[in-house]
Structure formats: C-alpha cells, structure tokens
C-alpha cells in the first residue's frame, strides 16, 4: 500500500514538473516571438539602454591604469633654443645647421617622446589585433604564428 502511494506521489510530482516546464517553454516562446517583432529602432534602444547600465563598470575599468600614476608634471619650455615658437636661430642654413623642427637630436627626442605618449594606445591596438609589442622580433614571431596553417592542414 505504501509503495502504491509513493508511486502516486511520484506521478503527481512528475506531472507538476512537466506542466511547469511546458509553461516556462511557452513563456519563452512568447517572449522570443515578441522580440522578433521589434523594429531596428527598438532593438537599438535596448542595446543603448544596456550599454548605459554597464557604463559605470566600463569607465571604472578604463580608468584603472590611471591609479598607478603617481604625479603629472608639465614643463613649459617655450623660449628654449629649438623649441616650437622659438623665434631665434631655428630657420636653418647659416644658423649652425638647425632646421625648423630643431636639430637632429631634438627631432629624435621629440619622436621618442611622442611615441611614449602614444605607446599605451599602440599597445592596446596591437593587443586587440593579437600582436605582441616586444619590438620587431616579437611582432615577427606573432605574425609568423598567425600565418602558419593549423596543424591538421600541415601534415
């Protein structure tokens, strides 16, 4: 008798679970059908809304590298020989071999400084592209690895 009651209980539980699963599936189907009828503008609105909801976390992660900046120093060097805006002696020719952009060492230094300013951006772009910024050798190894066919095609 107890076994019969246990079987009835299991049957009732199974029917209840089946009914719940069917109801959930029907609800999901209705939601999917409703989503399929959305216009492009409504979908764009939903995407923008989700982006706005995630914006605080995005900004938090974007500024995280700035936590490591100890200080920022700005040096005003207008008026120094070879600086931009210097009115004396940088036009070239008889002025000691300097050019409008400064002497060769100044040009090298300016290029190095400009690269260091842009380096985080360059590194991020290269990382997104799957490249290493360990100099020419690192880039060559990364590109070589990307250009090799998969192992199953090589044999």
Protein backbone atom coordinates (compact mmCIF):
# COMPACT_ATOMS: atom_id res chain seq x y z
CA UNK A 1 0.00 0.00 0.00
CA UNK A 2 2.83 2.40 0.86
CA UNK A 3 4.53 1.60 -2.43
CA UNK A 4 1.32 2.44 -4.31
CA UNK A 5 1.04 5.80 -2.54
CA UNK A 6 4.71 6.55 -3.23
CA UNK A 7 4.15 5.79 -6.91
CA UNK A 8 1.13 8.13 -6.99
CA UNK A 9 3.17 10.88 -5.33
CA UNK A 10 5.99 10.45 -7.88
CA UNK A 11 3.48 10.53 -10.74
CA UNK A 12 1.90 13.73 -9.42
CA UNK A 13 5.34 15.33 -8.96
CA UNK A 14 6.36 14.35 -12.49
CA UNK A 15 3.17 15.83 -13.96
CA UNK A 16 3.70 19.04 -11.98
CA UNK A 17 7.29 19.33 -13.22
CA UNK A 18 6.16 18.63 -16.78
CA UNK A 19 3.44 21.28 -16.54
CA UNK A 20 5.94 23.81 -15.12
CA UNK A 21 8.44 23.06 -17.90
CA UNK A 22 5.74 23.41 -20.56
CA UNK A 23 4.60 26.71 -19.05
CA UNK A 24 8.19 28.00 -18.99
CA UNK A 25 8.77 26.92 -22.59
CA UNK A 26 5.53 28.59 -23.68
CA UNK A 27 6.56 31.79 -21.88
CA UNK A 28 9.98 31.79 -23.54
CA UNK A 29 8.38 31.18 -26.94
CA UNK A 30 6.05 34.13 -26.41
CA UNK A 31 8.96 36.36 -25.37
CA UNK A 32 11.00 35.29 -28.41
CA UNK A 33 8.08 35.96 -30.75
CA UNK A 34 7.66 39.40 -29.19
CA UNK A 35 11.37 40.12 -29.60
CA UNK A 36 11.22 39.05 -33.25
CA UNK A 37 8.60 41.72 -33.93
CA UNK A 38 10.77 44.56 -32.58
CA UNK A 39 11.88 47.19 -35.05
CA UNK A 40 15.52 48.11 -35.55
CA UNK A 41 14.96 51.31 -33.58
CA UNK A 42 13.58 49.37 -30.60
CA UNK A 43 16.49 46.94 -30.68
CA UNK A 44 18.92 49.86 -30.88
CA UNK A 45 17.20 51.44 -27.88
CA UNK A 46 17.56 48.21 -25.88
CA UNK A 47 21.25 47.94 -26.79
CA UNK A 48 21.88 51.56 -25.80
CA UNK A 49 19.98 51.06 -22.55
CA UNK A 50 22.12 48.03 -21.66
CA UNK A 51 25.25 49.98 -22.57
CA UNK A 52 24.21 52.85 -20.31
CA UNK A 53 23.57 50.39 -17.48
CA UNK A 54 27.07 48.97 -17.91
CA UNK A 55 28.76 52.35 -18.40
CA UNK A 56 29.87 52.79 -14.76
CA UNK A 57 31.72 49.46 -14.83
CA UNK A 58 33.20 50.25 -18.26
CA UNK A 59 34.51 53.62 -17.08
CA UNK A 60 35.83 52.07 -13.86
CA UNK A 61 37.87 49.54 -15.83
CA UNK A 62 39.02 52.15 -18.36
CA UNK A 63 40.49 54.43 -15.68
CA UNK A 64 42.04 51.65 -13.61
CA UNK A 65 45.51 52.12 -15.21
CA UNK A 66 45.42 55.75 -14.05
CA UNK A 67 45.54 54.53 -10.43
CA UNK A 68 49.23 53.80 -10.92
CA UNK A 69 50.07 57.37 -11.97
CA UNK A 70 51.93 58.97 -9.10
CA UNK A 71 52.17 62.50 -10.47
CA UNK A 72 51.99 64.51 -13.65
CA UNK A 73 54.46 67.28 -14.35
CA UNK A 74 54.16 69.79 -17.15
CA UNK A 75 57.21 71.78 -18.15
CA UNK A 76 56.78 74.92 -20.25
CA UNK A 77 59.84 75.18 -22.47
CA UNK A 78 58.87 77.94 -24.90
CA UNK A 79 61.82 80.22 -25.46
CA UNK A 80 64.43 77.49 -25.21
CA UNK A 81 66.61 77.09 -28.27
CA UNK A 82 64.98 74.64 -30.68
CA UNK A 83 61.56 74.75 -29.00
CA UNK A 84 58.48 75.33 -31.11
CA UNK A 85 57.75 79.03 -31.23
CA UNK A 86 61.40 79.95 -30.74
CA UNK A 87 61.98 82.98 -32.91
CA UNK A 88 65.74 82.89 -32.88
CA UNK A 89 68.03 80.75 -34.95
CA UNK A 90 65.98 77.74 -35.98
CA UNK A 91 65.29 78.53 -39.60
CA UNK A 92 68.30 76.63 -40.91
CA UNK A 93 71.21 77.38 -43.19
CA UNK A 94 73.86 79.59 -41.68
CA UNK A 95 72.49 79.22 -38.14
CA UNK A 96 74.60 76.26 -37.23
CA UNK A 97 72.76 73.59 -39.26
CA UNK A 98 69.46 73.65 -37.38
CA UNK A 99 66.15 73.24 -39.16
CA UNK A 100 62.61 74.46 -38.48
CA UNK A 101 61.96 71.27 -36.46
CA UNK A 102 65.12 71.59 -34.40
CA UNK A 103 68.41 69.74 -34.54
CA UNK A 104 68.64 66.05 -35.30
CA UNK A 105 68.99 65.07 -31.60
CA UNK A 106 65.95 67.24 -30.81
CA UNK A 107 63.98 65.53 -33.56
CA UNK A 108 64.96 62.11 -32.20
CA UNK A 109 63.97 63.15 -28.67
CA UNK A 110 60.65 64.59 -29.86
CA UNK A 111 59.88 61.40 -31.77
CA UNK A 112 60.70 59.28 -28.73
CA UNK A 113 58.50 61.42 -26.50
CA UNK A 114 55.62 61.32 -28.98
CA UNK A 115 55.92 57.54 -29.15
CA UNK A 116 55.91 57.23 -25.35
CA UNK A 117 52.76 59.35 -25.20
CA UNK A 118 51.02 57.17 -27.80
CA UNK A 119 52.50 53.86 -26.56
CA UNK A 120 49.50 52.79 -24.39
CA UNK A 121 47.17 53.30 -27.34
CA UNK A 122 49.52 51.49 -29.73
CA UNK A 123 49.90 48.60 -27.25
CA UNK A 124 46.13 48.29 -26.84
CA UNK A 125 45.54 48.26 -30.60
CA UNK A 126 48.28 45.69 -31.13
CA UNK A 127 46.92 43.52 -28.30
CA UNK A 128 43.44 43.64 -29.84
CA UNK A 129 44.99 42.60 -33.15
CA UNK A 130 46.73 39.67 -31.44
CA UNK A 131 50.22 41.12 -31.85
CA UNK A 132 52.98 41.46 -29.29
CA UNK A 133 54.72 44.81 -28.86
CA UNK A 134 58.07 43.33 -27.86
CA UNK A 135 59.84 45.09 -30.70
CA UNK A 136 60.28 43.92 -34.26
CA UNK A 137 61.24 40.39 -33.18
CA UNK A 138 58.12 39.97 -31.05
CA UNK A 139 55.91 41.25 -33.85
CA UNK A 140 57.60 38.96 -36.35
CA UNK A 141 57.03 35.92 -34.11
CA UNK A 142 53.39 36.89 -33.57
CA UNK A 143 52.79 37.35 -37.29
CA UNK A 144 54.59 34.11 -38.13
CA UNK A 145 52.37 32.25 -35.66
CA UNK A 146 49.26 33.79 -37.18
CA UNK A 147 50.30 32.93 -40.75
CA UNK A 148 51.10 29.26 -40.12
CA UNK A 149 48.31 26.88 -41.19
CA UNK A 150 46.67 24.75 -38.49
CA UNK A 151 48.49 21.53 -37.55
CA UNK A 152 45.91 19.30 -39.25
CA UNK A 153 46.49 21.09 -42.58
CA UNK A 154 50.31 20.93 -42.37
CA UNK A 155 50.56 17.15 -42.38
